[in-house]
C-alpha atoms as a PDB file:
ATOM      1  CA  HIS A   1      56.976 -71.111  50.036  1.00  0.00           C
ATOM      2  CA  MET A   2      57.193 -73.975  53.052  1.00  0.00           C
ATOM      3  CA  ALA A   3      57.181 -76.831  49.684  1.00  0.00           C
ATOM      4  CA  THR A   4      59.414 -75.694  47.361  1.00  0.00           C
ATOM      5  CA  ALA A   5      61.574 -75.250  50.895  1.00  0.00           C
ATOM      6  CA  LEU A   6      61.181 -78.770  51.343  1.00  0.00           C
ATOM      7  CA  ARG A   7      61.155 -80.257  48.010  1.00  0.00           C
ATOM      8  CA  VAL A   8      58.204 -81.297  47.522  1.00  0.00           C
ATOM      9  CA  PRO A   9      56.663 -81.046  44.067  1.00  0.00           C
ATOM     10  CA  VAL A  10      53.974 -77.963  43.944  1.00  0.00           C
ATOM     11  CA  VAL A  11      50.928 -76.861  41.323  1.00  0.00           C
ATOM     12  CA  ALA A  12      50.978 -73.214  41.639  1.00  0.00           C
ATOM     13  CA  ILE A  13      48.544 -70.660  40.658  1.00  0.00           C
ATOM     14  CA  PHE A  14      48.762 -67.645  39.124  1.00  0.00           C
ATOM     15  CA  GLY A  15      46.028 -65.325  37.588  1.00  0.00           C
ATOM     16  CA  PRO A  16      46.800 -61.878  38.572  1.00  0.00           C
ATOM     17  CA  THR A  17      50.372 -62.265  39.300  1.00  0.00           C
ATOM     18  CA  HIS A  18      52.625 -63.422  36.932  1.00  0.00           C
ATOM     19  CA  PRO A  19      55.758 -66.257  37.550  1.00  0.00           C
ATOM     20  CA  LYS A  20      58.685 -63.184  36.427  1.00  0.00           C
ATOM     21  CA  LEU A  21      57.378 -61.498  39.211  1.00  0.00           C
ATOM     22  CA  GLY A  22      59.415 -63.626  41.449  1.00  0.00           C
ATOM     23  CA  PHE A  23      57.112 -65.567  42.847  1.00  0.00           C
ATOM     24  CA  ALA A  24      57.118 -68.792  41.599  1.00  0.00           C
ATOM     25  CA  PRO A  25      58.512 -72.110  42.933  1.00  0.00           C
ATOM     26  CA  VAL A  26      62.307 -73.151  41.630  1.00  0.00           C
ATOM     27  CA  GLY A  27      62.293 -76.819  40.530  1.00  0.00           C
ATOM     28  CA  SER A  28      62.308 -78.532  37.476  1.00  0.00           C
ATOM     29  CA  LYS A  29      59.048 -81.003  38.559  1.00  0.00           C
ATOM     30  CA  ASN A  30      56.726 -78.119  39.584  1.00  0.00           C
ATOM     31  CA  VAL A  31      53.940 -77.374  37.675  1.00  0.00           C
ATOM     32  CA  ILE A  32      52.806 -73.413  37.217  1.00  0.00           C
ATOM     33  CA  LEU A  33      49.498 -72.359  35.738  1.00  0.00           C
ATOM     34  CA  CYS A  34      48.964 -68.821  34.659  1.00  0.00           C
ATOM     35  CA  ALA A  35      46.767 -67.376  33.392  1.00  0.00           C
ATOM     36  CA  ASP A  36      47.518 -65.387  29.805  1.00  0.00           C
ATOM     37  CA  ALA A  37      44.898 -62.362  30.211  1.00  0.00           C
ATOM     38  CA  GLU A  38      46.740 -59.537  28.391  1.00  0.00           C
ATOM     39  CA  CYS A  39      45.470 -57.230  31.241  1.00  0.00           C
ATOM     40  CA  SER A  40      47.609 -59.035  33.857  1.00  0.00           C
ATOM     41  CA  PRO A  41      50.080 -59.066  35.951  1.00  0.00           C
ATOM     42  CA  CYS A  42      47.457 -55.960  37.960  1.00  0.00           C
ATOM     43  CA  SER A  43      48.015 -57.376  41.243  1.00  0.00           C
ATOM     44  CA  LEU A  44      49.630 -55.199  44.677  1.00  0.00           C
ATOM     45  CA  HIS A  45      52.842 -56.530  43.115  1.00  0.00           C
ATOM     46  CA  GLY A  46      52.151 -55.588  39.551  1.00  0.00           C
ATOM     47  CA  GLU A  47      52.180 -51.949  37.753  1.00  0.00           C
ATOM     48  CA  LYS A  48      48.590 -51.507  37.861  1.00  0.00           C
ATOM     49  CA  ARG A  49      44.948 -52.374  40.218  1.00  0.00           C
ATOM     50  CA  CYS A  50      42.620 -54.839  37.918  1.00  0.00           C
ATOM     51  CA  SER A  51      40.695 -53.233  35.704  1.00  0.00           C
ATOM     52  CA  LYS A  52      38.090 -55.702  34.777  1.00  0.00           C
ATOM     53  CA  GLN A  53      36.092 -56.997  38.012  1.00  0.00           C
ATOM     54  CA  SER A  54      35.114 -59.768  35.924  1.00  0.00           C
ATOM     55  CA  ARG A  55      39.281 -61.488  37.308  1.00  0.00           C
ATOM     56  CA  ILE A  56      39.056 -63.161  33.729  1.00  0.00           C
ATOM     57  CA  CYS A  57      42.158 -64.335  34.529  1.00  0.00           C
ATOM     58  CA  MET A  58      41.195 -66.403  37.613  1.00  0.00           C
ATOM     59  CA  GLU A  59      38.554 -67.862  35.019  1.00  0.00           C
ATOM     60  CA  GLN A  60      41.021 -69.124  32.473  1.00  0.00           C
ATOM     61  CA  ILE A  61      42.498 -71.605  34.815  1.00  0.00           C
ATOM     62  CA  LYS A  62      39.634 -73.969  35.191  1.00  0.00           C
ATOM     63  CA  PRO A  63      39.878 -76.463  37.928  1.00  0.00           C
ATOM     64  CA  GLU A  64      40.285 -79.534  35.244  1.00  0.00           C
ATOM     65  CA  MET A  65      43.777 -77.747  34.741  1.00  0.00           C
ATOM     66  CA  VAL A  66      44.152 -77.647  38.182  1.00  0.00           C
ATOM     67  CA  VAL A  67      43.403 -81.281  38.999  1.00  0.00           C
ATOM     68  CA  ASP A  68      45.043 -82.400  36.076  1.00  0.00           C
ATOM     69  CA  ALA A  69      48.243 -81.256  37.080  1.00  0.00           C
ATOM     70  CA  VAL A  70      48.308 -82.582  40.887  1.00  0.00           C
ATOM     71  CA  LEU A  71      47.542 -85.322  39.349  1.00  0.00           C
ATOM     72  CA  GLY A  72      50.455 -85.602  36.970  1.00  0.00           C
ATOM     73  CA  LEU A  73      52.440 -84.805  39.875  1.00  0.00           C
ATOM     74  CA  LEU A  74      51.325 -87.623  41.941  1.00  0.00           C
ATOM     75  CA  LYS A  75      51.905 -90.328  39.068  1.00  0.00           C
ATOM     76  CA  GLN A  76      54.838 -88.600  38.685  1.00  0.00           C
ATOM     77  CA  ASN A  77      56.652 -88.854  42.509  1.00  0.00           C
ATOM     78  CA  LYS A  78      54.730 -92.386  42.921  1.00  0.00           C
ATOM     79  CA  PHE A  79      52.113 -91.089  45.591  1.00  0.00           C
ATOM     80  CA  THR A  80      48.697 -92.797  45.927  1.00  0.00           C
ATOM     81  CA  THR A  81      45.546 -91.219  45.658  1.00  0.00           C
ATOM     82  CA  LYS A  82      43.896 -94.776  47.499  1.00  0.00           C
ATOM     83  CA  GLY A  83      41.568 -93.252  49.908  1.00  0.00           C
ATOM     84  CA  ALA A  84      41.208 -89.706  47.827  1.00  0.00           C
END
């Protein structure tokens, strides 16, 4: 939320919640990673609790997807990854 307020590009990860619930960052440079589970949304802000103990929605968002999104934002915004 702070990054969005400061207009810093964000990689937002949505598993059990959904961006349409109103928690998505605002701005065209943001990247939203959202699980495509048929049981979503099932969070505190959704209509139901998780019926699947495996949290399949979070398993659908692979670490590689997050890394690729972050590196894409860094490249797009001309930040450097030296020393990382």
